[in-house]
Amino acid sequence: MKRFLSLGIVLAALTTLGASAQAGHGFGWSGGHAHSNHGFHGTYVPQVYNYPTYHQTWHNTSHYDYHPGGFQRHGNHAHYVPGHVDLHRTGHFDGHLHN
């Protein structure tokens, strides 16, 4: 078990040293041979990523309610309340993804 742990530490150190050498001088250690990024061969193909976007849309569900007139009890007598319209301002957001 100690041998595997020691081997892991050595490999991690070599990988770190190789990455810093590659970043600083253009050379890096990889699997026992050196790579140079001074020469460029082949073509560059950029990667295009389409991430979905999240949109929220407001749905206005405001509406009018009609209440007909009628009599309402008040103590030992009644009052007539005329018909009227109430506006209820309501709504909600719906969220959905777009590509």
Protein backbone atom coordinates (compact mmCIF):
# COMPACT_ATOMS: atom_id res chain seq x y z
CA MET A 1 0.00 0.00 0.00
CA LYS A 2 2.86 2.38 0.81
CA ARG A 3 4.42 1.61 -2.55
CA PHE A 4 1.24 2.66 -4.41
CA LEU A 5 0.96 5.83 -2.34
CA SER A 6 4.60 6.72 -3.04
CA LEU A 7 4.15 6.01 -6.74
CA GLY A 8 1.07 8.24 -6.79
CA ILE A 9 2.96 11.11 -5.16
CA VAL A 10 5.86 10.77 -7.63
CA LEU A 11 3.49 10.72 -10.62
CA ALA A 12 1.61 13.75 -9.30
CA ALA A 13 4.89 15.63 -8.87
CA LEU A 14 6.07 14.76 -12.38
CA THR A 15 2.73 15.79 -13.85
CA THR A 16 2.86 19.12 -12.01
CA LEU A 17 6.45 19.74 -13.09
CA GLY A 18 5.62 18.83 -16.67
CA ALA A 19 2.63 21.21 -16.70
CA SER A 20 4.66 24.10 -15.29
CA ALA A 21 7.51 23.44 -17.75
CA GLN A 22 5.07 23.34 -20.63
CA ALA A 23 3.41 26.57 -19.54
CA GLY A 24 6.71 28.39 -19.02
CA HIS A 25 8.92 27.23 -21.88
CA GLY A 26 6.79 25.53 -24.46
CA PHE A 27 8.02 22.04 -23.56
CA GLY A 28 6.42 19.43 -21.35
CA TRP A 29 6.94 15.89 -20.14
CA SER A 30 4.36 13.37 -21.27
CA GLY A 31 4.86 9.64 -21.04
CA GLY A 32 8.64 9.75 -21.29
CA HIS A 33 9.13 12.03 -24.30
CA ALA A 34 9.12 15.77 -24.81
CA HIS A 35 6.52 17.76 -26.72
CA SER A 36 7.13 21.17 -28.21
CA ASN A 37 4.36 23.62 -28.96
CA HIS A 38 6.63 25.87 -31.02
CA GLY A 39 5.73 24.15 -34.28
CA PHE A 40 2.10 24.13 -35.44
CA HIS A 41 0.83 21.34 -37.63
CA GLY A 42 -2.65 20.58 -38.83
CA THR A 43 -5.76 22.74 -38.73
CA TYR A 44 -7.52 24.35 -35.81
CA VAL A 45 -11.21 23.52 -35.47
CA PRO A 46 -12.92 25.65 -32.83
CA GLN A 47 -15.46 23.94 -30.61
CA VAL A 48 -18.91 25.51 -30.71
CA TYR A 49 -21.15 24.89 -27.74
CA ASN A 50 -24.85 25.70 -27.73
CA TYR A 51 -26.01 26.01 -24.16
CA PRO A 52 -29.75 26.18 -23.59
CA THR A 53 -31.02 29.43 -22.14
CA TYR A 54 -33.73 29.71 -19.52
CA HIS A 55 -36.51 32.18 -20.21
CA GLN A 56 -39.38 33.26 -18.04
CA THR A 57 -42.56 34.46 -19.67
CA TRP A 58 -45.26 36.41 -17.82
CA HIS A 59 -48.78 35.11 -18.41
CA ASN A 60 -51.28 37.79 -17.58
CA THR A 61 -54.42 36.13 -16.26
CA SER A 62 -56.08 39.33 -15.05
CA HIS A 63 -59.82 39.25 -15.43
CA TYR A 64 -63.09 40.96 -14.53
CA ASP A 65 -65.71 39.38 -12.30
CA TYR A 66 -69.31 40.60 -12.39
CA HIS A 67 -71.28 40.53 -9.15
CA PRO A 68 -75.02 41.09 -9.60
CA GLY A 69 -76.87 43.48 -7.32
CA GLY A 70 -78.87 42.28 -4.37
CA PHE A 71 -79.95 42.89 -0.81
CA GLN A 72 -77.56 42.49 2.09
CA ARG A 73 -78.70 42.19 5.71
CA HIS A 74 -77.64 44.96 8.02
CA GLY A 75 -78.94 44.61 11.58
CA ASN A 76 -82.77 44.51 11.50
CA HIS A 77 -83.03 45.78 7.92
CA ALA A 78 -81.48 45.21 4.46
CA HIS A 79 -79.48 47.39 2.09
CA TYR A 80 -79.50 47.10 -1.65
CA VAL A 81 -76.00 46.69 -3.11
CA PRO A 82 -75.92 47.47 -6.84
CA GLY A 83 -74.23 45.13 -9.28
CA HIS A 84 -70.59 45.84 -10.02
CA VAL A 85 -67.51 44.56 -11.79
CA ASP A 86 -64.27 43.72 -9.98
CA LEU A 87 -60.91 43.66 -11.70
CA HIS A 88 -58.62 40.91 -10.43
CA ARG A 89 -55.01 41.52 -11.43
CA THR A 90 -53.35 38.13 -11.46
CA GLY A 91 -50.70 36.29 -13.44
CA HIS A 92 -47.74 33.99 -13.19
CA PHE A 93 -44.33 33.30 -14.72
CA ASP A 94 -43.70 30.17 -16.77
CA GLY A 95 -40.08 29.12 -17.16
CA HIS A 96 -38.82 27.11 -20.12
CA LEU A 97 -35.56 26.27 -21.89
CA HIS A 98 -34.58 27.36 -25.40
CA ASN A 99 -31.73 26.01 -27.51
